[in-house]
Amino acid sequence: MNLSRIAVFWPGLPQLWYRSQWSALAYAMFFAAALNLALLSTFYWYQWYPLWLNRLLWFSVFTASIWSAMKSLPTWNSLVNPPVPANLDSRFMDAQRQYLQGNYIEAEGVLIKLLDRNPEDAEAMLLLGTICRRTKRSKQGLLWLQRTEMIERGSKWRHEISSERRMLLDQTQESLAANATNS
């Protein structure tokens, strides 16, 4: 068994971790509280709780854990690797291909259409920021990066966003310096 699959035994954790479903946070927190109470009542507060209550608590913890595993294991692959709609994936691949061939305007058009269908597409916004840098539109590129940072899916691209922002800011300073020497 893959070590990450152990997460299925913690109610709510797979949905919270792999899908960022904040509704699962309540299940995960409730299970954590029950597990902590069971541990404390067994090893620390054992005089305070009757034995039947301690056993009932452990039975509840184990039942919840098994229920979570039975619920999460059949859908494990879809939790870890959510399906990407074929048309969106192929459009993004087309935009990447256009970008790599230097066809920035065509790539930008495809990405704008992607964002019309899915306004939370962090990858499309990040690539738009890069295209703006390549086409010397630093202000617009910075706006795309800022927009990417504001959405939840943008958090996994923090490093790339900061790197791209540095390059855009350097480009802005270079163009200001060039304008100052030309004046």
C-alpha atoms as a PDB file:
ATOM      1  CA  MET A   1       0.000   0.000   0.000  1.00  0.00           C
ATOM      2  CA  ASN A   2       1.280   3.413  -0.957  1.00  0.00           C
ATOM      3  CA  LEU A   3       2.141   5.439   2.138  1.00  0.00           C
ATOM      4  CA  SER A   4      -0.054   8.344   1.012  1.00  0.00           C
ATOM      5  CA  ARG A   5      -3.039   5.992   0.884  1.00  0.00           C
ATOM      6  CA  ILE A   6      -2.970   5.832   4.667  1.00  0.00           C
ATOM      7  CA  ALA A   7      -4.787   9.168   4.478  1.00  0.00           C
ATOM      8  CA  VAL A   8      -7.991   7.304   3.591  1.00  0.00           C
ATOM      9  CA  PHE A   9      -8.233   6.137   7.195  1.00  0.00           C
ATOM     10  CA  TRP A  10      -8.654   9.719   8.422  1.00  0.00           C
ATOM     11  CA  PRO A  11     -12.202  10.922   7.642  1.00  0.00           C
ATOM     12  CA  GLY A  12     -12.186  14.011   5.440  1.00  0.00           C
ATOM     13  CA  LEU A  13      -8.409  14.115   4.973  1.00  0.00           C
ATOM     14  CA  PRO A  14      -8.237  12.778   1.369  1.00  0.00           C
ATOM     15  CA  GLN A  15     -10.892  15.204   0.175  1.00  0.00           C
ATOM     16  CA  LEU A  16      -9.252  18.077   2.037  1.00  0.00           C
ATOM     17  CA  TRP A  17      -5.697  17.275   0.955  1.00  0.00           C
ATOM     18  CA  TYR A  18      -6.152  16.306  -2.683  1.00  0.00           C
ATOM     19  CA  ARG A  19      -9.231  18.283  -3.681  1.00  0.00           C
ATOM     20  CA  SER A  20      -9.106  21.239  -1.267  1.00  0.00           C
ATOM     21  CA  GLN A  21     -12.721  20.609  -0.283  1.00  0.00           C
ATOM     22  CA  TRP A  22     -13.015  22.803   2.768  1.00  0.00           C
ATOM     23  CA  SER A  23     -16.267  21.106   3.734  1.00  0.00           C
ATOM     24  CA  ALA A  24     -14.171  18.022   4.592  1.00  0.00           C
ATOM     25  CA  LEU A  25     -12.248  20.081   7.159  1.00  0.00           C
ATOM     26  CA  ALA A  26     -15.062  19.660   9.696  1.00  0.00           C
ATOM     27  CA  TYR A  27     -14.892  15.852   9.391  1.00  0.00           C
ATOM     28  CA  ALA A  28     -11.117  15.841   9.738  1.00  0.00           C
ATOM     29  CA  MET A  29     -11.180  18.129  12.767  1.00  0.00           C
ATOM     30  CA  PHE A  30     -13.973  16.187  14.476  1.00  0.00           C
ATOM     31  CA  PHE A  31     -12.058  12.935  13.940  1.00  0.00           C
ATOM     32  CA  ALA A  32      -8.879  14.531  15.320  1.00  0.00           C
ATOM     33  CA  ALA A  33     -10.758  15.663  18.430  1.00  0.00           C
ATOM     34  CA  ALA A  34     -12.282  12.190  18.930  1.00  0.00           C
ATOM     35  CA  LEU A  35      -8.907  10.488  18.463  1.00  0.00           C
ATOM     36  CA  ASN A  36      -7.223  12.860  20.919  1.00  0.00           C
ATOM     37  CA  LEU A  37      -9.992  12.330  23.453  1.00  0.00           C
ATOM     38  CA  ALA A  38      -9.661   8.559  23.061  1.00  0.00           C
ATOM     39  CA  LEU A  39      -5.903   8.720  23.580  1.00  0.00           C
ATOM     40  CA  LEU A  40      -6.187  11.019  26.582  1.00  0.00           C
ATOM     41  CA  SER A  41      -8.942   8.956  28.177  1.00  0.00           C
ATOM     42  CA  THR A  42      -6.852   5.800  27.764  1.00  0.00           C
ATOM     43  CA  PHE A  43      -3.416   6.966  28.833  1.00  0.00           C
ATOM     44  CA  TYR A  44      -3.853  10.113  30.908  1.00  0.00           C
ATOM     45  CA  TRP A  45      -7.395  10.523  32.205  1.00  0.00           C
ATOM     46  CA  TYR A  46      -8.119   6.831  32.638  1.00  0.00           C
ATOM     47  CA  GLN A  47      -9.475   7.364  36.193  1.00  0.00           C
ATOM     48  CA  TRP A  48     -12.037   9.918  35.038  1.00  0.00           C
ATOM     49  CA  TYR A  49     -13.813   7.847  32.396  1.00  0.00           C
ATOM     50  CA  PRO A  50     -15.573   4.524  32.965  1.00  0.00           C
ATOM     51  CA  LEU A  51     -14.185   1.635  30.947  1.00  0.00           C
ATOM     52  CA  TRP A  52     -17.354   1.254  28.861  1.00  0.00           C
ATOM     53  CA  LEU A  53     -17.167   4.901  27.746  1.00  0.00           C
ATOM     54  CA  ASN A  54     -13.510   4.514  26.801  1.00  0.00           C
ATOM     55  CA  ARG A  55     -14.321   1.411  24.744  1.00  0.00           C
ATOM     56  CA  LEU A  56     -17.249   3.157  23.102  1.00  0.00           C
ATOM     57  CA  LEU A  57     -14.979   6.060  22.160  1.00  0.00           C
ATOM     58  CA  TRP A  58     -12.355   3.749  20.633  1.00  0.00           C
ATOM     59  CA  PHE A  59     -15.067   1.805  18.803  1.00  0.00           C
ATOM     60  CA  SER A  60     -16.340   5.081  17.331  1.00  0.00           C
ATOM     61  CA  VAL A  61     -12.837   6.109  16.240  1.00  0.00           C
ATOM     62  CA  PHE A  62     -12.153   2.759  14.565  1.00  0.00           C
ATOM     63  CA  THR A  63     -15.582   2.672  12.925  1.00  0.00           C
ATOM     64  CA  ALA A  64     -15.124   6.167  11.521  1.00  0.00           C
ATOM     65  CA  SER A  65     -11.671   5.232  10.253  1.00  0.00           C
ATOM     66  CA  ILE A  66     -12.890   2.069   8.508  1.00  0.00           C
ATOM     67  CA  TRP A  67     -15.918   3.918   7.097  1.00  0.00           C
ATOM     68  CA  SER A  68     -13.603   6.608   5.706  1.00  0.00           C
ATOM     69  CA  ALA A  69     -11.335   4.015   4.077  1.00  0.00           C
ATOM     70  CA  MET A  70     -14.278   2.182   2.519  1.00  0.00           C
ATOM     71  CA  LYS A  71     -15.640   5.456   1.184  1.00  0.00           C
ATOM     72  CA  SER A  72     -12.332   6.847  -0.126  1.00  0.00           C
ATOM     73  CA  LEU A  73     -10.478   3.820  -1.525  1.00  0.00           C
ATOM     74  CA  PRO A  74     -12.820   3.147  -4.494  1.00  0.00           C
ATOM     75  CA  THR A  75     -12.460   6.754  -5.625  1.00  0.00           C
ATOM     76  CA  TRP A  76      -8.757   7.079  -4.779  1.00  0.00           C
ATOM     77  CA  ASN A  77      -7.518   7.590  -8.356  1.00  0.00           C
ATOM     78  CA  SER A  78     -10.108  10.264  -9.059  1.00  0.00           C
ATOM     79  CA  LEU A  79      -9.178  12.025  -5.802  1.00  0.00           C
ATOM     80  CA  VAL A  80      -5.439  12.048  -6.484  1.00  0.00           C
ATOM     81  CA  ASN A  81      -5.651  12.634 -10.260  1.00  0.00           C
ATOM     82  CA  PRO A  82      -8.887  14.477 -11.009  1.00  0.00           C
ATOM     83  CA  PRO A  83      -9.998  14.058 -14.608  1.00  0.00           C
ATOM     84  CA  VAL A  84      -9.328  17.007 -16.876  1.00  0.00           C
ATOM     85  CA  PRO A  85     -11.937  17.652 -19.545  1.00  0.00           C
ATOM     86  CA  ALA A  86     -10.382  16.626 -22.864  1.00  0.00           C
ATOM     87  CA  ASN A  87     -11.278  19.828 -24.702  1.00  0.00           C
ATOM     88  CA  LEU A  88      -9.773  22.065 -21.979  1.00  0.00           C
ATOM     89  CA  ASP A  89      -6.581  20.013 -21.789  1.00  0.00           C
ATOM     90  CA  SER A  90      -6.127  19.998 -25.576  1.00  0.00           C
ATOM     91  CA  ARG A  91      -6.762  23.755 -25.750  1.00  0.00           C
ATOM     92  CA  PHE A  92      -4.142  24.453 -23.108  1.00  0.00           C
ATOM     93  CA  MET A  93      -1.713  22.139 -24.916  1.00  0.00           C
ATOM     94  CA  ASP A  94      -2.461  24.051 -28.125  1.00  0.00           C
ATOM     95  CA  ALA A  95      -1.744  27.348 -26.327  1.00  0.00           C
ATOM     96  CA  GLN A  96       1.550  25.954 -25.020  1.00  0.00           C
ATOM     97  CA  ARG A  97       2.489  24.757 -28.498  1.00  0.00           C
ATOM     98  CA  GLN A  98       1.698  28.196 -29.961  1.00  0.00           C
ATOM     99  CA  TYR A  99       3.730  29.853 -27.206  1.00  0.00           C
ATOM    100  CA  LEU A 100       6.741  27.597 -27.775  1.00  0.00           C
ATOM    101  CA  GLN A 101       6.604  28.311 -31.509  1.00  0.00           C
ATOM    102  CA  GLY A 102       6.667  32.031 -30.767  1.00  0.00           C
ATOM    103  CA  ASN A 103       3.074  32.636 -31.857  1.00  0.00           C
ATOM    104  CA  TYR A 104       2.250  34.695 -28.793  1.00  0.00           C
ATOM    105  CA  ILE A 105      -0.896  36.373 -30.123  1.00  0.00           C
ATOM    106  CA  GLU A 106      -2.456  33.023 -31.106  1.00  0.00           C
ATOM    107  CA  ALA A 107      -1.532  31.510 -27.747  1.00  0.00           C
ATOM    108  CA  GLU A 108      -3.028  34.491 -25.945  1.00  0.00           C
ATOM    109  CA  GLY A 109      -6.284  34.117 -27.873  1.00  0.00           C
ATOM    110  CA  VAL A 110      -6.578  30.444 -26.928  1.00  0.00           C
ATOM    111  CA  LEU A 111      -5.830  31.229 -23.274  1.00  0.00           C
ATOM    112  CA  ILE A 112      -8.434  34.004 -23.153  1.00  0.00           C
ATOM    113  CA  LYS A 113     -11.036  31.548 -24.483  1.00  0.00           C
ATOM    114  CA  LEU A 114      -9.949  29.045 -21.837  1.00  0.00           C
ATOM    115  CA  LEU A 115     -10.405  31.650 -19.124  1.00  0.00           C
ATOM    116  CA  ASP A 116     -13.868  32.504 -20.463  1.00  0.00           C
ATOM    117  CA  ARG A 117     -14.878  28.881 -19.809  1.00  0.00           C
ATOM    118  CA  ASN A 118     -12.894  28.471 -16.565  1.00  0.00           C
ATOM    119  CA  PRO A 119     -12.013  31.784 -14.853  1.00  0.00           C
ATOM    120  CA  GLU A 120     -10.079  29.894 -12.125  1.00  0.00           C
ATOM    121  CA  ASP A 121      -7.484  28.383 -14.510  1.00  0.00           C
ATOM    122  CA  ALA A 122      -4.238  29.345 -12.780  1.00  0.00           C
ATOM    123  CA  GLU A 123      -2.031  27.734 -15.430  1.00  0.00           C
ATOM    124  CA  ALA A 124      -3.650  29.797 -18.196  1.00  0.00           C
ATOM    125  CA  MET A 125      -3.223  33.017 -16.202  1.00  0.00           C
ATOM    126  CA  LEU A 126       0.419  32.240 -15.485  1.00  0.00           C
ATOM    127  CA  LEU A 127       1.120  31.554 -19.148  1.00  0.00           C
ATOM    128  CA  LEU A 128      -0.644  34.806 -20.044  1.00  0.00           C
ATOM    129  CA  GLY A 129       1.681  36.636 -17.656  1.00  0.00           C
ATOM    130  CA  THR A 130       4.655  35.033 -19.389  1.00  0.00           C
ATOM    131  CA  ILE A 131       3.310  35.950 -22.824  1.00  0.00           C
ATOM    132  CA  CYS A 132       2.887  39.554 -21.679  1.00  0.00           C
ATOM    133  CA  ARG A 133       6.538  39.588 -20.590  1.00  0.00           C
ATOM    134  CA  ARG A 134       7.629  38.191 -23.962  1.00  0.00           C
ATOM    135  CA  THR A 135       5.582  40.833 -25.795  1.00  0.00           C
ATOM    136  CA  LYS A 136       6.951  43.655 -23.561  1.00  0.00           C
ATOM    137  CA  ARG A 137       3.638  44.351 -21.771  1.00  0.00           C
ATOM    138  CA  SER A 138       4.940  44.313 -18.212  1.00  0.00           C
ATOM    139  CA  LYS A 139       2.002  46.053 -16.536  1.00  0.00           C
ATOM    140  CA  GLN A 140      -0.519  43.651 -18.027  1.00  0.00           C
ATOM    141  CA  GLY A 141       1.708  40.698 -17.148  1.00  0.00           C
ATOM    142  CA  LEU A 142       1.900  41.838 -13.532  1.00  0.00           C
ATOM    143  CA  LEU A 143      -1.891  42.075 -13.439  1.00  0.00           C
ATOM    144  CA  TRP A 144      -2.219  38.479 -14.691  1.00  0.00           C
ATOM    145  CA  LEU A 145       0.227  37.304 -12.027  1.00  0.00           C
ATOM    146  CA  GLN A 146      -1.654  39.202  -9.331  1.00  0.00           C
ATOM    147  CA  ARG A 147      -4.897  37.623 -10.497  1.00  0.00           C
ATOM    148  CA  THR A 148      -3.255  34.175 -10.414  1.00  0.00           C
ATOM    149  CA  GLU A 149      -2.138  34.720  -6.821  1.00  0.00           C
ATOM    150  CA  MET A 150      -5.649  35.636  -5.713  1.00  0.00           C
ATOM    151  CA  ILE A 151      -7.255  32.337  -6.703  1.00  0.00           C
ATOM    152  CA  GLU A 152      -6.914  29.210  -4.601  1.00  0.00           C
ATOM    153  CA  ARG A 153      -5.287  27.100  -7.346  1.00  0.00           C
ATOM    154  CA  GLY A 154      -2.633  29.764  -7.807  1.00  0.00           C
ATOM    155  CA  SER A 155      -0.983  28.899  -4.501  1.00  0.00           C
ATOM    156  CA  LYS A 156       0.788  25.883  -5.972  1.00  0.00           C
ATOM    157  CA  TRP A 157       2.505  28.181  -8.497  1.00  0.00           C
ATOM    158  CA  ARG A 158       3.974  30.582  -5.880  1.00  0.00           C
ATOM    159  CA  HIS A 159       7.580  29.992  -6.924  1.00  0.00           C
ATOM    160  CA  GLU A 160       6.862  30.413 -10.637  1.00  0.00           C
ATOM    161  CA  ILE A 161       4.776  33.526  -9.992  1.00  0.00           C
ATOM    162  CA  SER A 162       7.535  35.187  -7.961  1.00  0.00           C
ATOM    163  CA  SER A 163      10.140  34.273 -10.583  1.00  0.00           C
ATOM    164  CA  GLU A 164       7.984  35.646 -13.386  1.00  0.00           C
ATOM    165  CA  ARG A 165       7.247  38.789 -11.344  1.00  0.00           C
ATOM    166  CA  ARG A 166      10.989  39.403 -10.883  1.00  0.00           C
ATOM    167  CA  MET A 167      11.561  39.112 -14.622  1.00  0.00           C
ATOM    168  CA  LEU A 168       8.650  41.462 -15.350  1.00  0.00           C
ATOM    169  CA  LEU A 169       9.905  44.025 -12.830  1.00  0.00           C
ATOM    170  CA  ASP A 170      13.434  43.798 -14.279  1.00  0.00           C
ATOM    171  CA  GLN A 171      11.978  44.324 -17.736  1.00  0.00           C
ATOM    172  CA  THR A 172      10.062  47.379 -16.501  1.00  0.00           C
ATOM    173  CA  GLN A 173      13.200  48.873 -14.938  1.00  0.00           C
ATOM    174  CA  GLU A 174      15.193  48.227 -18.116  1.00  0.00           C
ATOM    175  CA  SER A 175      12.577  49.938 -20.265  1.00  0.00           C
ATOM    176  CA  LEU A 176      12.472  52.911 -17.872  1.00  0.00           C
ATOM    177  CA  ALA A 177      16.272  53.151 -17.987  1.00  0.00           C
ATOM    178  CA  ALA A 178      16.229  52.931 -21.790  1.00  0.00           C
ATOM    179  CA  ASN A 179      13.585  55.669 -21.982  1.00  0.00           C
ATOM    180  CA  ALA A 180      15.618  57.849 -19.623  1.00  0.00           C
ATOM    181  CA  THR A 181      18.778  57.519 -21.781  1.00  0.00           C
ATOM    182  CA  ASN A 182      16.815  58.222 -24.977  1.00  0.00           C
ATOM    183  CA  SER A 183      15.325  61.414 -23.550  1.00  0.00           C
END
